[in-house]
Amino acid sequence: MNQYLSPIAANLPPSGIRKFFDLVSTMKNVISLGVGEPDFVTPWTVRESGIFSLEQGQTMYTSNSGLMELRQALSWNMEKKLGLEYNPHDEILITVGASEAVDLAMRALLGPGDALLLTDPAYVSYGPCATLAGAEVHYVPTREEEDFRVRVEDLERVYTPNAKVLVLSYPNNPTGAIMTWEDYQPIAKFVQDHDLIVVADEIYSDLSYGGSHTAFASLPNMRNRTLHISGFSKSYAMTGWRIGYVAGHHDFIQAMTRIHQYTMLCAPITAQLAALEAVRSAEQAMQDMVATYDRRRRLMVHGFRKMGLSCFEPLGAFYTFPSIKVTGLTSEEFANELLQEEKVAVVPGTAFGPSGEGHIRCSYAYSTEQIQEALTRMERFVSKRIR
């Protein structure tokens, strides 16, 4: 029946992450370091808020833009934490996860003939969402020796006159890289000089270990050129609640809301009320989770270096992205052979773009015991392949 599919849908590749873990699901006794999901449950005060809302019969639609109380709380939170000011009435949209915000941004900004500049490696959704909007995708490589930070020289090499949007996702999934205020300054000048719009996916902003997070929209003249995307899945362990948001110039938000009202209508009210409680009361719970991630982060980096793999120290998110080049295997070969021989699941770096070759992604959103056992198995596997 493929002849009835649109060419774009028919040729859209499956997620490199999901494709690999479909295989994992058929195996037993596997230690998985692959899924980017907190191993914590949502804080109790947040869960209780959702339960109470159901008990009170709060099961109706909200406005397309989301609950005003939540938008107001987010406006206050962004100003307090990031120095960003957005009007909750027309510059913030509540979405079904940050993933919907990404999709809406691509569809609102891009069309046939346009091009997206995508830093690489990057989360798997950006390119396909741009493709679904009819746009071209041009990869901007980042490298381990430069701490996986995007450089103007690489942007200049990849730039094409039909480029319209640049995606920046820092702290980065899969590398754990961050960008500082100083790093961003030449990027902001490039954006202004080339009249680009930036989609800044900063969902890991609270999971920063080397200092405070810099929001790209906070740079001079970037506020109205940036769509600031975030959510609750990672910081508050709320993946299954599917709640995110986007903030930006009212013209952009209005266009995204028009698409949103025809597809999702609104985010679920239960999740919105839970998110409101998270902003109000779950800061300490979040900080406790971050402290635990920090300890696991150092354990994992030390483990990879001890077994002879070069491993960039991540300063954000909850992933490591060690190089496996010394083994002589491709990322795909390494992941497949490791899974078959030692029952440890990791994600091939190529799932995140061309620059991911020679690397694997390992999440430390798992217990210390699981991480230690996985490292033991991986060291045994690697020792047989390093000469």
Protein backbone atom coordinates (compact mmCIF):
# COMPACT_ATOMS: atom_id res chain seq x y z
CA MET A 1 0.00 0.00 0.00
CA ASN A 2 3.04 2.27 -0.10
CA GLN A 3 1.81 3.80 -3.35
CA TYR A 4 -0.84 5.66 -1.33
CA LEU A 5 1.68 7.29 0.99
CA SER A 6 3.08 10.77 0.48
CA PRO A 7 6.70 10.62 -0.77
CA ILE A 8 7.92 12.42 2.36
CA ALA A 9 6.21 9.97 4.74
CA ALA A 10 7.26 6.95 2.68
CA ASN A 11 10.93 7.95 2.72
CA LEU A 12 11.16 9.22 6.30
CA PRO A 13 13.74 7.04 8.10
CA PRO A 14 12.88 5.46 11.46
CA SER A 15 14.43 6.96 14.58
CA GLY A 16 17.95 5.63 15.05
CA ILE A 17 17.19 5.27 18.76
CA ARG A 18 13.91 3.37 18.40
CA LYS A 19 15.23 1.15 15.61
CA PHE A 20 17.99 -0.10 17.91
CA PHE A 21 15.80 -0.57 20.97
CA ASP A 22 13.22 -2.56 19.06
CA LEU A 23 16.00 -5.14 18.92
CA VAL A 24 16.78 -4.74 22.63
CA SER A 25 13.14 -5.42 23.54
CA THR A 26 13.47 -8.96 22.14
CA MET A 27 16.40 -9.86 24.46
CA LYS A 28 16.63 -10.81 28.13
CA ASN A 29 18.99 -9.67 30.92
CA VAL A 30 20.10 -6.55 29.07
CA ILE A 31 21.45 -3.53 30.93
CA SER A 32 20.29 -0.52 28.98
CA LEU A 33 22.12 2.80 28.96
CA GLY A 34 20.15 3.96 25.99
CA VAL A 35 16.91 5.68 26.90
CA GLY A 36 16.98 9.36 27.79
CA GLU A 37 14.50 9.13 30.65
CA PRO A 38 15.02 9.90 34.34
CA ASP A 39 14.97 6.84 36.57
CA PHE A 40 13.21 8.92 39.23
CA VAL A 41 9.45 9.16 39.59
CA THR A 42 7.71 12.52 39.40
CA PRO A 43 7.97 14.32 42.80
CA TRP A 44 5.09 13.48 45.11
CA THR A 45 3.70 17.03 45.39
CA VAL A 46 3.40 17.11 41.60
CA ARG A 47 1.71 13.70 41.39
CA GLU A 48 -0.62 14.66 44.21
CA SER A 49 -1.62 17.81 42.36
CA GLY A 50 -2.57 15.75 39.31
CA ILE A 51 -4.55 13.28 41.42
CA PHE A 52 -6.37 16.07 43.25
CA SER A 53 -7.29 17.77 39.97
CA LEU A 54 -8.96 14.55 38.78
CA GLU A 55 -10.77 14.14 42.09
CA GLN A 56 -12.10 17.66 41.68
CA GLY A 57 -13.40 16.86 38.21
CA GLN A 58 -10.99 19.12 36.34
CA THR A 59 -11.17 17.20 33.07
CA MET A 60 -12.09 19.86 30.54
CA TYR A 61 -10.26 21.65 27.71
CA THR A 62 -8.11 24.65 28.51
CA SER A 63 -7.52 27.52 26.12
CA ASN A 64 -5.41 26.61 23.10
CA SER A 65 -2.47 28.48 24.63
CA GLY A 66 -2.73 26.63 27.93
CA LEU A 67 -3.72 27.58 31.46
CA MET A 68 -3.03 31.23 32.18
CA GLU A 69 -1.78 30.36 35.67
CA LEU A 70 0.85 28.05 34.18
CA ARG A 71 1.93 30.60 31.59
CA GLN A 72 2.25 33.23 34.30
CA ALA A 73 4.31 30.89 36.46
CA LEU A 74 6.59 30.07 33.52
CA SER A 75 6.99 33.75 32.69
CA TRP A 76 8.11 34.40 36.26
CA ASN A 77 10.38 31.34 36.27
CA MET A 78 12.14 32.24 33.01
CA GLU A 79 12.79 35.77 34.20
CA LYS A 80 14.12 34.56 37.54
CA LYS A 81 16.37 31.78 36.20
CA LEU A 82 17.33 32.91 32.70
CA GLY A 83 16.75 36.66 32.57
CA LEU A 84 14.11 36.21 29.84
CA GLU A 85 10.94 38.29 29.81
CA TYR A 86 7.86 36.98 27.98
CA ASN A 87 4.28 38.16 28.16
CA PRO A 88 2.19 35.19 29.36
CA HIS A 89 -0.81 36.42 27.34
CA ASP A 90 0.63 36.10 23.85
CA GLU A 91 4.29 35.02 24.00
CA ILE A 92 4.07 31.61 25.70
CA LEU A 93 2.39 28.46 24.37
CA ILE A 94 1.92 25.25 26.37
CA THR A 95 2.55 22.18 24.20
CA VAL A 96 2.27 18.40 24.38
CA GLY A 97 5.89 17.90 25.36
CA ALA A 98 8.82 19.90 24.02
CA SER A 99 8.64 17.59 20.98
CA GLU A 100 5.40 19.20 19.82
CA ALA A 101 6.98 22.62 20.27
CA VAL A 102 9.83 21.57 17.95
CA ASP A 103 7.37 20.30 15.33
CA LEU A 104 5.26 23.46 15.54
CA ALA A 105 8.34 25.65 15.22
CA MET A 106 9.49 23.86 12.06
CA ARG A 107 6.05 23.98 10.46
CA ALA A 108 5.51 27.63 11.38
CA LEU A 109 8.91 28.79 10.10
CA LEU A 110 9.89 26.47 7.25
CA GLY A 111 8.46 25.46 3.90
CA PRO A 112 9.55 24.08 0.52
CA GLY A 113 12.69 25.82 -0.70
CA ASP A 114 13.86 26.78 2.80
CA ALA A 115 16.86 25.28 4.56
CA LEU A 116 17.53 24.37 8.19
CA LEU A 117 21.02 24.62 9.68
CA LEU A 118 21.32 21.83 12.24
CA THR A 119 24.23 21.44 14.65
CA ASP A 120 25.45 17.86 14.55
CA PRO A 121 25.29 15.58 16.52
CA ALA A 122 21.79 16.49 17.70
CA TYR A 123 18.58 14.97 18.97
CA VAL A 124 16.86 12.86 16.34
CA SER A 125 13.67 14.92 15.82
CA TYR A 126 14.89 18.20 14.37
CA GLY A 127 15.86 17.02 10.90
CA PRO A 128 12.77 14.88 10.25
CA CYS A 129 10.45 17.66 11.47
CA ALA A 130 12.10 20.06 9.02
CA THR A 131 11.79 17.46 6.25
CA LEU A 132 8.09 17.04 7.01
CA ALA A 133 7.76 20.82 6.59
CA GLY A 134 9.32 20.47 3.12
CA ALA A 135 12.69 22.05 3.97
CA GLU A 136 16.27 20.96 3.32
CA VAL A 137 18.55 20.01 6.23
CA HIS A 138 22.21 21.08 6.30
CA TYR A 139 24.37 19.61 9.07
CA VAL A 140 26.83 21.83 10.94
CA PRO A 141 29.52 19.52 12.40
CA THR A 142 30.80 19.78 15.96
CA ARG A 143 33.82 17.91 17.29
CA GLU A 144 35.07 16.37 20.52
CA GLU A 145 38.36 18.28 20.36
CA GLU A 146 36.33 21.52 20.42
CA ASP A 147 34.06 20.30 23.24
CA PHE A 148 31.24 19.76 20.72
CA ARG A 149 30.58 23.51 20.62
CA VAL A 150 29.34 25.04 17.39
CA ARG A 151 31.80 27.38 15.65
CA VAL A 152 31.11 30.25 13.28
CA GLU A 153 33.64 28.86 10.79
CA ASP A 154 31.56 25.71 10.39
CA LEU A 155 28.34 27.71 10.12
CA GLU A 156 29.92 29.78 7.35
CA ARG A 157 30.99 26.65 5.47
CA VAL A 158 27.54 25.10 5.63
CA TYR A 159 25.51 28.28 5.13
CA THR A 160 23.32 28.50 2.03
CA PRO A 161 21.32 31.54 0.87
CA ASN A 162 18.01 29.74 1.44
CA ALA A 163 18.89 29.02 5.09
CA LYS A 164 16.20 30.40 7.35
CA VAL A 165 16.43 28.61 10.70
CA LEU A 166 19.31 27.50 12.93
CA VAL A 167 18.72 24.87 15.63
CA LEU A 168 20.77 25.20 18.81
CA SER A 169 20.23 22.54 21.49
CA TYR A 170 22.42 23.16 24.52
CA PRO A 171 22.94 21.45 26.91
CA ASN A 172 23.21 18.98 24.10
CA ASN A 173 21.70 15.57 23.59
CA PRO A 174 23.71 13.36 22.89
CA THR A 175 27.06 14.94 23.81
CA GLY A 176 26.33 16.75 27.08
CA ALA A 177 28.09 19.84 25.68
CA ILE A 178 27.16 23.35 26.75
CA MET A 179 27.61 26.82 25.26
CA THR A 180 28.64 29.79 27.40
CA TRP A 181 27.79 33.47 26.93
CA GLU A 182 31.20 33.96 25.33
CA ASP A 183 30.69 30.98 22.99
CA TYR A 184 27.34 32.33 21.87
CA GLN A 185 28.43 35.88 21.03
CA PRO A 186 29.92 35.15 17.57
CA ILE A 187 26.97 32.84 16.86
CA ALA A 188 24.54 35.66 17.66
CA LYS A 189 26.40 37.96 15.26
CA PHE A 190 26.22 35.29 12.54
CA VAL A 191 22.48 34.91 13.13
CA GLN A 192 21.92 38.65 12.84
CA ASP A 193 24.19 39.08 9.82
CA HIS A 194 22.37 36.29 7.95
CA ASP A 195 18.87 37.20 9.13
CA LEU A 196 18.20 33.79 10.70
CA ILE A 197 15.68 32.61 13.26
CA VAL A 198 16.95 30.34 16.04
CA VAL A 199 15.07 27.39 17.47
CA ALA A 200 16.74 26.99 20.88
CA ASP A 201 15.78 23.69 22.48
CA GLU A 202 16.96 24.15 26.07
CA ILE A 203 15.00 21.40 27.79
CA TYR A 204 18.13 20.33 29.71
CA SER A 205 18.87 23.85 31.00
CA ASP A 206 18.32 22.85 34.65
CA LEU A 207 20.69 19.90 34.26
CA SER A 208 23.92 21.92 34.15
CA TYR A 209 26.99 20.97 36.18
CA GLY A 210 29.67 23.50 35.29
CA GLY A 211 27.81 26.70 36.17
CA SER A 212 24.61 28.51 35.33
CA HIS A 213 22.91 27.97 31.99
CA THR A 214 23.01 30.69 29.29
CA ALA A 215 19.79 31.04 27.32
CA PHE A 216 20.48 32.03 23.72
CA ALA A 217 17.50 34.41 23.74
CA SER A 218 19.17 36.41 26.52
CA LEU A 219 21.94 37.64 24.21
CA PRO A 220 21.61 41.17 22.80
CA ASN A 221 19.14 41.39 19.89
CA MET A 222 18.40 37.66 20.02
CA ARG A 223 15.16 37.70 22.02
CA ASN A 224 12.90 38.37 19.03
CA ARG A 225 14.93 36.07 16.75
CA THR A 226 14.66 33.07 19.06
CA LEU A 227 12.04 30.47 19.91
CA HIS A 228 12.93 29.28 23.40
CA ILE A 229 11.73 25.69 23.90
CA SER A 230 11.71 23.76 27.15
CA GLY A 231 9.59 21.37 29.19
CA PHE A 232 9.18 19.30 32.32
CA SER A 233 10.20 15.80 31.21
CA LYS A 234 13.88 15.91 32.12
CA SER A 235 14.14 18.38 35.01
CA TYR A 236 11.13 17.14 36.95
CA ALA A 237 11.03 13.46 35.83
CA MET A 238 7.71 14.04 34.03
CA THR A 239 8.29 12.27 30.70
CA GLY A 240 4.91 10.51 30.64
CA TRP A 241 2.96 13.67 31.44
CA ARG A 242 3.88 15.07 27.99
CA ILE A 243 4.07 18.75 28.88
CA GLY A 244 6.32 21.39 27.34
CA TYR A 245 6.29 25.01 26.29
CA VAL A 246 7.69 27.53 23.86
CA ALA A 247 8.27 31.25 24.31
CA GLY A 248 9.00 33.85 21.67
CA HIS A 249 7.85 36.89 19.74
CA HIS A 250 4.06 37.04 19.63
CA ASP A 251 3.97 36.73 15.83
CA PHE A 252 5.78 33.38 16.02
CA ILE A 253 3.71 32.14 18.94
CA GLN A 254 0.48 33.17 17.21
CA ALA A 255 1.42 31.19 14.09
CA MET A 256 2.38 28.14 16.15
CA THR A 257 -0.85 28.39 18.14
CA ARG A 258 -2.88 28.33 14.93
CA ILE A 259 -1.28 25.02 13.95
CA HIS A 260 -1.58 23.71 17.50
CA GLN A 261 -5.32 24.48 17.67
CA TYR A 262 -6.00 22.34 14.61
CA THR A 263 -3.86 19.39 15.73
CA MET A 264 -3.69 19.16 19.54
CA LEU A 265 -6.23 21.83 20.62
CA CYS A 266 -4.51 22.03 24.00
CA ALA A 267 -2.20 20.12 26.30
CA PRO A 268 -4.01 17.87 28.83
CA ILE A 269 -5.31 19.86 31.78
CA THR A 270 -4.10 17.28 34.33
CA ALA A 271 -0.53 17.58 33.05
CA GLN A 272 -0.77 21.38 33.00
CA LEU A 273 -1.90 21.52 36.63
CA ALA A 274 0.87 19.12 37.62
CA ALA A 275 3.41 21.28 35.78
CA LEU A 276 2.13 24.33 37.63
CA GLU A 277 2.76 22.55 40.92
CA ALA A 278 6.25 21.57 39.74
CA VAL A 279 7.16 25.22 39.13
CA ARG A 280 5.75 26.20 42.52
CA SER A 281 7.09 23.49 44.81
CA ALA A 282 9.46 20.96 43.20
CA GLU A 283 12.67 22.98 42.90
CA GLN A 284 14.42 21.16 45.76
CA ALA A 285 13.38 17.75 44.40
CA MET A 286 14.84 18.74 41.05
CA GLN A 287 18.11 19.89 42.63
CA ASP A 288 18.39 16.58 44.48
CA MET A 289 18.01 14.70 41.18
CA VAL A 290 20.65 16.91 39.55
CA ALA A 291 23.10 16.18 42.39
CA THR A 292 22.59 12.45 41.84
CA TYR A 293 23.14 12.80 38.08
CA ASP A 294 26.34 14.70 38.80
CA ARG A 295 27.76 11.83 40.85
CA ARG A 296 26.81 9.30 38.16
CA ARG A 297 28.28 11.55 35.48
CA ARG A 298 31.70 11.51 37.10
CA LEU A 299 31.50 7.75 37.67
CA MET A 300 30.75 7.08 34.02
CA VAL A 301 33.40 9.43 32.60
CA HIS A 302 36.03 7.87 34.89
CA GLY A 303 34.94 4.38 33.86
CA PHE A 304 35.28 5.05 30.14
CA ARG A 305 38.67 6.71 30.50
CA LYS A 306 39.88 3.83 32.70
CA MET A 307 39.02 1.30 29.97
CA GLY A 308 40.95 3.32 27.38
CA LEU A 309 38.16 5.24 25.65
CA SER A 310 38.44 8.98 25.14
CA CYS A 311 35.44 10.59 26.82
CA PHE A 312 34.53 14.27 26.72
CA GLU A 313 33.30 15.41 30.13
CA PRO A 314 29.64 16.42 29.74
CA LEU A 315 28.62 19.61 31.53
CA GLY A 316 24.90 19.29 30.94
CA ALA A 317 22.02 16.86 30.31
CA PHE A 318 22.51 13.22 31.42
CA TYR A 319 24.54 11.61 28.63
CA THR A 320 28.14 10.71 27.90
CA PHE A 321 29.39 10.41 24.33
CA PRO A 322 32.64 8.43 24.46
CA SER A 323 34.76 7.85 21.39
CA ILE A 324 35.11 4.20 20.38
CA LYS A 325 37.47 4.86 17.45
CA VAL A 326 40.37 2.99 19.09
CA THR A 327 38.43 -0.26 18.72
CA GLY A 328 38.39 0.03 14.92
CA LEU A 329 34.63 -0.54 14.91
CA THR A 330 31.96 1.74 13.53
CA SER A 331 29.39 3.08 15.99
CA GLU A 332 26.79 0.64 14.66
CA GLU A 333 29.16 -2.34 14.85
CA PHE A 334 30.23 -1.45 18.38
CA ALA A 335 26.65 -1.13 19.65
CA ASN A 336 25.51 -4.34 18.00
CA GLU A 337 28.49 -6.44 19.10
CA LEU A 338 28.37 -5.06 22.65
CA LEU A 339 24.69 -5.95 22.88
CA GLN A 340 25.20 -9.48 21.57
CA GLU A 341 28.32 -10.28 23.61
CA GLU A 342 27.81 -8.45 26.89
CA LYS A 343 24.09 -7.62 26.95
CA VAL A 344 24.68 -3.86 27.32
CA ALA A 345 22.59 -1.52 25.20
CA VAL A 346 23.96 1.84 24.04
CA VAL A 347 22.95 4.04 21.12
CA PRO A 348 25.22 4.34 18.03
CA GLY A 349 26.42 7.91 17.60
CA THR A 350 25.23 7.93 14.01
CA ALA A 351 21.63 7.95 15.26
CA PHE A 352 22.27 11.64 15.99
CA GLY A 353 23.82 12.67 12.69
CA PRO A 354 26.96 12.18 10.57
CA SER A 355 29.30 13.68 13.17
CA GLY A 356 28.26 10.99 15.63
CA GLU A 357 30.29 8.33 13.84
CA GLY A 358 33.00 6.94 16.09
CA HIS A 359 30.97 7.58 19.25
CA ILE A 360 28.20 5.97 21.31
CA ARG A 361 25.65 7.62 23.56
CA CYS A 362 25.32 6.33 27.11
CA SER A 363 22.78 7.77 29.52
CA TYR A 364 23.54 8.05 33.24
CA ALA A 365 19.86 8.35 34.13
CA TYR A 366 20.22 4.87 35.63
CA SER A 367 21.13 3.57 39.08
CA THR A 368 24.76 3.55 40.21
CA GLU A 369 24.61 -0.25 40.44
CA GLN A 370 23.45 -0.59 36.84
CA ILE A 371 26.10 1.86 35.63
CA GLN A 372 28.88 0.03 37.48
CA GLU A 373 27.84 -3.36 36.11
CA ALA A 374 27.51 -1.95 32.59
CA LEU A 375 31.00 -0.42 32.82
CA THR A 376 32.43 -3.75 33.99
CA ARG A 377 30.91 -5.55 31.01
CA MET A 378 32.00 -2.81 28.59
CA GLU A 379 35.57 -2.86 29.89
CA ARG A 380 35.69 -6.61 29.23
CA PHE A 381 34.35 -6.03 25.72
CA VAL A 382 36.72 -3.14 24.91
CA SER A 383 39.81 -4.90 26.29
CA LYS A 384 39.46 -7.54 23.56
CA ARG A 385 39.47 -4.89 20.83
CA ILE A 386 42.17 -2.43 21.87
CA ARG A 387 45.60 -3.55 20.78
